[in-house]
Structures are given as C-alpha cells and as structure tokens.
Protein backbone atom coordinates (compact mmCIF):
# COMPACT_ATOMS: atom_id res chain seq x y z
CA MET A 1 122.27 158.96 79.53
CA PRO A 2 120.36 155.92 80.94
CA GLU A 3 121.27 157.03 84.20
CA ILE A 4 118.74 159.78 84.08
CA TYR A 5 116.06 157.22 83.37
CA ARG A 6 117.11 155.24 86.37
CA ALA A 7 117.24 158.25 88.59
CA ARG A 8 113.86 159.41 87.47
CA PHE A 9 112.22 155.73 87.69
CA PRO A 10 113.93 153.91 90.54
CA GLY A 11 113.41 150.13 90.57
CA ARG A 12 113.09 149.97 86.72
CA ASN A 13 116.69 148.84 85.74
CA GLY A 14 116.43 146.35 82.76
CA SER A 15 112.96 147.51 81.99
CA LEU A 16 112.02 148.03 78.07
CA ALA A 17 112.46 151.88 78.54
CA HIS A 18 115.94 151.59 80.33
CA ILE A 19 117.03 149.03 77.40
CA LEU A 20 115.96 151.51 74.68
CA ALA A 21 117.80 154.54 76.38
CA LEU A 22 121.03 152.23 76.31
CA VAL A 23 120.40 151.31 72.67
CA ALA A 24 119.81 155.16 71.83
CA GLN A 25 123.02 156.17 73.64
CA ARG A 26 125.14 153.71 71.68
CA VAL A 27 123.49 154.31 68.35
CA ALA A 28 124.23 158.30 68.80
CA CYS A 29 127.78 157.43 69.83
CA ALA A 30 128.43 155.05 67.18
CA PHE A 31 127.35 157.69 64.59
CA ALA A 32 129.34 160.54 66.36
CA THR A 33 132.70 161.73 65.20
CA ARG A 34 133.57 162.64 68.69
CA VAL A 35 131.75 162.16 72.04
CA ILE A 36 131.96 165.04 74.32
CA THR A 37 131.08 164.40 78.10
CA VAL A 38 131.71 166.54 81.38
CA ASN A 39 133.71 164.22 83.63
CA SER A 40 136.06 161.22 83.50
CA THR A 41 133.50 159.09 85.41
CA ILE A 42 131.05 159.34 82.44
CA ALA A 43 133.79 158.70 80.01
CA ALA A 44 134.69 155.69 81.76
CA ILE A 45 131.01 154.43 81.60
CA LEU A 46 130.74 155.41 77.79
CA GLU A 47 134.07 153.32 77.23
CA SER A 48 132.68 150.44 78.97
CA ARG A 49 129.60 150.50 76.75
CA GLY A 50 131.79 150.31 73.37
CA VAL A 51 132.70 153.57 72.69
CA PRO A 52 136.39 153.97 71.52
CA LYS A 53 138.45 155.84 74.03
CA ALA A 54 139.97 157.59 71.33
CA ARG A 55 136.58 159.21 70.28
CA ILE A 56 135.71 160.36 73.80
CA MET A 57 136.60 163.95 75.00
CA VAL A 58 136.01 165.29 78.63
CA VAL A 59 135.18 168.98 78.82
CA GLU A 60 134.49 169.65 82.31
CA ASN A 61 131.95 172.45 83.10
CA SER A 62 134.35 174.71 84.99
CA PRO A 63 133.67 178.34 85.30
CA ASP A 64 135.79 180.90 83.40
CA TRP A 65 137.02 182.70 86.38
CA THR A 66 140.60 183.72 87.75
CA TYR A 67 141.44 183.37 91.20
CA GLN A 68 141.10 187.16 91.63
CA ALA A 69 137.54 187.30 90.18
CA ALA A 70 136.51 184.33 92.67
CA SER A 71 137.81 186.72 95.52
CA GLU A 72 136.07 190.03 94.67
CA PRO A 73 134.67 192.06 97.41
CA PRO A 74 131.49 190.47 98.74
CA LEU A 75 128.22 191.67 98.19
CA GLY A 76 126.80 193.31 101.33
CA SER A 77 128.26 192.37 104.96
CA VAL A 78 127.70 189.80 107.57
CA PRO A 79 127.56 190.80 111.33
CA VAL A 80 130.80 190.24 113.19
CA GLY A 81 130.81 186.88 114.56
CA THR A 82 128.20 185.50 112.33
CA TYR A 83 129.12 182.89 109.61
CA GLU A 84 127.76 183.00 106.30
CA ILE A 85 127.11 179.63 104.21
CA THR A 86 125.75 180.31 100.70
CA ILE A 87 124.58 177.31 98.51
CA PHE A 88 123.93 177.52 94.78
CA GLY A 89 122.29 175.06 92.43
CA GLY A 90 118.95 174.09 90.99
CA LEU A 91 116.27 173.74 93.56
CA ASN A 92 115.19 170.18 93.20
CA PRO A 93 114.83 167.08 95.39
CA GLU A 94 118.07 165.68 94.12
CA ARG A 95 119.96 168.55 96.04
CA ASP A 96 118.70 167.25 99.31
CA ILE A 97 118.06 170.86 100.72
CA PRO A 98 115.91 169.29 103.59
CA SER A 99 119.19 167.82 104.84
CA VAL A 100 120.65 171.23 104.93
CA LEU A 101 117.73 172.73 106.65
CA ASP A 102 118.31 170.04 109.12
CA VAL A 103 121.99 171.11 109.65
CA ALA A 104 120.62 174.65 110.12
CA HIS A 105 118.42 173.51 112.86
CA LEU A 106 120.86 171.38 114.67
CA LEU A 107 123.76 174.14 114.67
CA ARG A 108 121.65 177.12 115.18
CA ASP A 109 122.28 177.19 119.08
CA LYS A 110 126.00 176.45 118.51
CA PHE A 111 126.83 179.03 115.79
CA ARG A 112 125.53 182.14 114.40
CA ILE A 113 125.11 181.16 110.79
CA ARG A 114 123.38 183.05 107.92
CA TRP A 115 122.27 180.60 105.45
CA ARG A 116 121.47 181.60 101.78
CA ILE A 117 120.21 178.85 99.44
CA ILE A 118 120.12 180.31 95.92
CA GLY A 119 119.03 178.98 92.82
CA PRO A 120 116.09 178.20 90.12
CA GLY A 121 113.34 175.65 90.74
CA ASP A 122 109.86 174.33 90.18
CA PRO A 123 107.51 176.78 92.02
CA ASP A 124 105.68 173.99 93.87
CA TYR A 125 108.92 172.48 95.21
CA VAL A 126 110.31 175.94 96.23
CA ARG A 127 107.15 176.54 98.14
CA ARG A 128 107.78 173.38 99.80
CA LEU A 129 111.14 174.44 100.81
CA HIS A 130 109.66 177.69 102.30
CA ASP A 131 107.11 175.49 104.19
CA GLU A 132 110.11 173.56 105.72
CA VAL A 133 112.00 176.63 106.58
CA ARG A 134 108.92 177.82 108.62
CA ALA A 135 108.32 174.38 110.10
CA ARG A 136 111.67 174.42 111.59
CA ASN A 137 111.38 178.02 112.68
CA LEU A 138 114.41 178.96 110.72
CA GLU A 139 112.98 182.16 108.96
CA GLY A 140 115.35 184.47 110.78
CA ILE A 141 118.51 182.52 109.65
CA VAL A 142 117.69 180.76 106.23
CA THR A 143 116.62 182.36 103.02
CA ILE A 144 115.52 180.58 99.98
CA GLU A 145 116.31 182.94 96.87
CA GLY A 146 115.93 182.83 93.36
CA GLU A 147 118.56 182.66 90.67
CA VAL A 148 121.01 185.44 90.39
CA PRO A 149 123.00 187.07 87.39
CA ALA A 150 126.12 185.03 86.51
CA GLY A 151 128.32 188.02 87.48
CA ALA A 152 126.98 187.86 91.05
CA VAL A 153 127.98 184.36 91.74
CA ALA A 154 131.71 184.80 92.35
CA PRO A 155 131.41 187.68 94.95
CA LEU A 156 128.67 185.63 96.99
CA ILE A 157 130.82 182.50 97.01
CA SER A 158 133.67 184.67 98.24
CA ASN A 159 131.53 185.70 101.08
CA SER A 160 130.65 182.21 101.93
CA THR A 161 132.75 180.69 105.02
CA ILE A 162 132.65 177.45 103.63
CA GLY A 163 131.10 175.43 100.69
CA ILE A 164 128.36 172.60 100.76
CA VAL A 165 127.58 170.31 98.02
CA SER A 166 124.61 168.28 99.07
CA TYR A 167 122.91 165.53 97.04
CA GLU A 168 120.84 162.57 97.54
CA ARG A 169 122.20 159.38 96.19
CA ASN A 170 120.96 157.88 92.88
CA PRO A 171 122.44 156.84 89.64
CA LEU A 172 122.49 160.30 88.10
CA THR A 173 124.13 162.03 91.16
CA GLU A 174 126.79 159.21 91.26
CA ILE A 175 128.10 160.54 88.08
CA ALA A 176 127.40 164.22 88.68
CA THR A 177 129.98 167.08 89.00
CA PRO A 178 128.27 170.35 89.62
CA ASN A 179 129.34 173.66 88.68
CA LYS A 180 129.38 174.79 92.55
CA ALA A 181 132.15 172.07 93.39
CA TYR A 182 134.54 173.84 90.93
CA GLU A 183 133.41 177.29 91.97
CA TYR A 184 134.03 176.70 95.71
CA ALA A 185 137.32 175.30 94.80
CA ILE A 186 138.52 178.12 92.64
CA ALA A 187 137.47 180.36 95.37
CA GLY A 188 139.58 178.59 98.00
CA LYS A 189 136.80 177.40 100.12
CA ALA A 190 136.83 174.32 102.38
CA MET A 191 133.93 172.22 101.33
CA VAL A 192 131.75 169.47 102.89
CA VAL A 193 130.59 167.20 100.07
CA ALA A 194 128.31 164.20 99.30
CA ASP A 195 130.36 161.13 99.09
CA LEU A 196 129.38 160.21 95.61
CA GLY A 197 131.81 158.67 93.06
CA ALA A 198 132.29 161.36 90.46
CA LEU A 199 132.70 164.18 93.04
CA ARG A 200 135.18 162.09 95.02
CA ALA A 201 137.04 161.47 91.72
CA LEU A 202 137.02 165.10 91.06
CA LEU A 203 138.03 166.39 94.59
CA GLY A 204 139.99 163.63 96.24
CA GLU A 205 141.06 164.18 99.74
CA THR A 206 140.83 167.93 99.44
CA VAL A 207 137.30 168.18 101.17
CA LEU A 208 135.25 166.53 103.98
CA TYR A 209 132.63 164.04 102.92
CA TYR A 210 129.46 162.99 104.33
CA GLN A 211 127.03 160.06 103.30
CA PRO A 212 124.02 161.21 101.53
CA GLY A 213 120.97 161.67 103.54
CA GLU A 214 122.68 161.86 106.70
CA PRO A 215 122.24 165.32 108.06
CA ILE A 216 123.95 164.58 111.43
CA ALA A 217 127.13 163.62 109.60
CA LEU A 218 126.92 166.72 107.44
CA ALA A 219 126.16 169.00 110.51
CA TRP A 220 129.25 167.29 112.21
CA ASN A 221 131.57 168.21 109.24
CA VAL A 222 130.38 171.72 109.07
CA ALA A 223 130.91 172.43 112.77
CA ARG A 224 134.23 171.05 112.35
CA LEU A 225 135.32 173.48 109.78
CA LEU A 226 133.72 176.43 111.60
CA GLU A 227 135.53 175.45 114.80
CA ASN A 228 139.04 174.89 112.92
CA PRO A 229 139.78 178.01 110.67
CA SER A 230 143.36 176.48 110.03
CA GLU A 231 141.78 173.45 108.62
CA ARG A 232 139.40 175.59 106.58
CA GLU A 233 142.51 177.38 105.03
CA LYS A 234 144.33 174.16 104.47
CA LEU A 235 141.56 172.32 102.79
CA GLY A 236 140.52 175.45 100.72
CA GLU A 237 144.08 175.82 99.40
CA ALA A 238 144.16 172.21 98.57
CA ALA A 239 141.02 172.37 96.52
CA ARG A 240 142.19 175.16 94.72
CA ALA A 241 145.40 173.54 93.89
CA ARG A 242 143.64 170.39 92.75
CA ILE A 243 141.09 172.08 90.64
CA ASP A 244 143.94 174.16 88.86
CA ALA A 245 144.23 171.30 86.27
CA HIS A 246 140.38 171.49 85.62
CA ARG A 247 140.15 175.04 84.84
CA TRP A 248 138.17 176.46 82.05
CA GLU A 249 141.39 177.59 79.94
CA VAL A 250 142.21 173.83 79.64
CA MET A 251 138.79 172.83 78.81
CA ALA A 252 138.53 175.44 76.22
CA GLY A 253 141.71 174.21 74.68
CA ARG A 254 140.35 170.72 74.45
CA LEU A 255 137.13 171.86 72.95
CA VAL A 256 138.65 174.11 70.29
CA ASP A 257 141.04 171.15 69.44
CA THR A 258 138.35 168.64 69.06
CA TYR A 259 136.33 171.07 66.74
CA ARG A 260 139.58 171.53 64.70
CA GLN A 261 139.98 167.79 64.40
CA CYS A 262 136.57 167.18 63.18
CA LEU A 263 136.84 170.10 60.51
CA ASP A 264 140.13 168.54 59.35
CA GLY A 265 138.03 165.51 58.81
CA GLY A 266 140.22 163.10 60.95
CA GLY A 267 138.15 163.11 64.11
CA GLN A 268 141.24 161.81 66.12
CA PRO A 269 143.23 163.31 68.90
CA SER A 270 146.20 165.46 67.77
CA PRO A 271 149.53 164.22 68.45
CA LYS A 272 149.92 166.44 71.68
CA GLY A 273 147.10 164.60 73.16
CA THR A 274 144.00 165.49 74.82
CA GLN A 275 144.92 165.89 78.49
CA HIS A 276 147.40 168.59 77.97
CA ILE A 277 146.19 171.00 75.34
CA ALA A 278 147.45 174.56 75.22
CA PRO A 279 144.73 176.95 76.24
CA ALA A 280 142.72 178.85 73.69
CA PRO A 281 141.28 182.34 73.76
CA THR A 282 137.84 182.46 75.62
CA SER A 283 135.16 185.11 75.35
CA GLY A 284 134.22 185.58 78.99
CA ARG A 285 132.40 182.39 79.88
CA LEU A 286 130.44 182.91 82.93
CA SER A 287 128.86 180.26 85.42
CA GLY A 288 125.30 180.54 86.57
CA GLY A 289 126.21 178.82 89.89
CA ARG A 290 124.38 175.66 88.71
C-alpha cells in the first residue's frame, strides 16, 4: 500500500517514490485474478484507484475463537480491588505506548490498576519504553512483556477489565484494523479506541473513542469505564454483537470461496455473493494478539 510509504516518510506525498508505489499497486492489481484485503476501508481505496469492485474480496484478520475460548479462566490472579488492563500488539511508535504510560501515571492515585503491555518489538525501542516506565516511576504497576504463545492470548484478554486500542494518526493507521480490536470484542470487553477511520467503520458506536495523541482524553474514558461497570458490560455486549458478522468462520468461507472461483477459472464472485458465504471448516487458526 502507498499508505505505508506515506506513513514512513511524512511530507513526501506526491514524491517520485510515492508515485512509483501507486503505480506498482495498480499494476499488481491489474494482473491479479482477485485482490484480497483485510477491511472495507482498504477495499474502497482500491476501488477508487481503478480496481473493479467485483475483483476485490475482504477477508478480515479476525481470530478463530469461540466466545467460550475468549472467556477461559484467566492466567494468574489479580488482588481484590485491583483492575488489570492488558494491551497486545507490536511495540512500535505507531502504537503510541507513551500515551498509555501517561494514562497510567494520570490514574495511579485514583485507581489500583495493573498494566500489562505485551508484544514483540525492536530491542532499542523496547528499551526506550522501559526507560519511560522508570522515568514516570511506574515500575510497580506497569510491565513491558515480550510476545506470548497464541494460546495464551484469549485467557489474558479475558482477565483484562477493559481493552485499549491506542494508535498515533498517520496514513497507515487510518486504514488499520488490528487483531486486538477483534479480540477484545469477541471477549465482550468494553474498549477505548483511537478515533481513526477504519477502526470506527469496524466498531461503530460500540466503543468509546479518543483523539490520537491526547492521553488526557484517553485517561478520561478509561476512568469512565472503570467507574461504571454497567456501561462496561453494555458496551462489551454491543461490541461482541457487532463483531459477530466479522468472525473467522465467515472470513474462512469467503477465502475458500475465492480460491474455488480462481481454480474454476472464472475469478468472479459466486451467485450467492461474497458477504454471506457459508462458513467453511477451519483448522484451528489462532491469533498472536498482534
């Protein structure tokens, strides 16, 4: 996606490299029998760039979990009266982890919260995060942890009081729908989410939003959910209901149907359409919490 270039090199929109990225995308799509992408926001962008709508298939990166699996008994225990907030994802600047650390600092005197930030990342960047934890004197309540096995993700999310999907704003994050948004929703967790286009299209009004890069607004919404268990429950149920149409069984059906069409030589959607394809058997796909 040219958006990756624009996110990595701000201010170079319209440069030769950006134009070449656009050309490469269009050439690749022109030769493709089908174009598979991960959300409807990117699909709309591809269509606006000349890719025929009938050639585009959305296969979202949702986890292969049942609701029951997402509610397995949690790993370990949290002291009574203590909230736990677990955040998954690649540890990189786009995730705006420093804003989360600001929230931990802002709320430390109001709530007893154990913060767990889990995921892979560049060692130098992870070291900087540890430095920021120490600079804010948060060692006793915040841990930065490495990637965990896929099977541990659902229980850890089950143990999280709420979900946080933090991001900075750039051309790439505007079109991103990370795994953790699906994972929190399947687990029935109320969320505070960066107000970005693709995330809002996915989650609608089932979550609380904050403007990226505004930790005070993020802290206010986190406090709101912690203080209101009935709202937490209501939003968690709404998110779970909304994500039902995006579950992996639906996506697997679309993907298998697409392969069948290509093997049949037609490459066109089947008469039953691409939005309501019967689920196909899956083989235990698991998410790494990215």
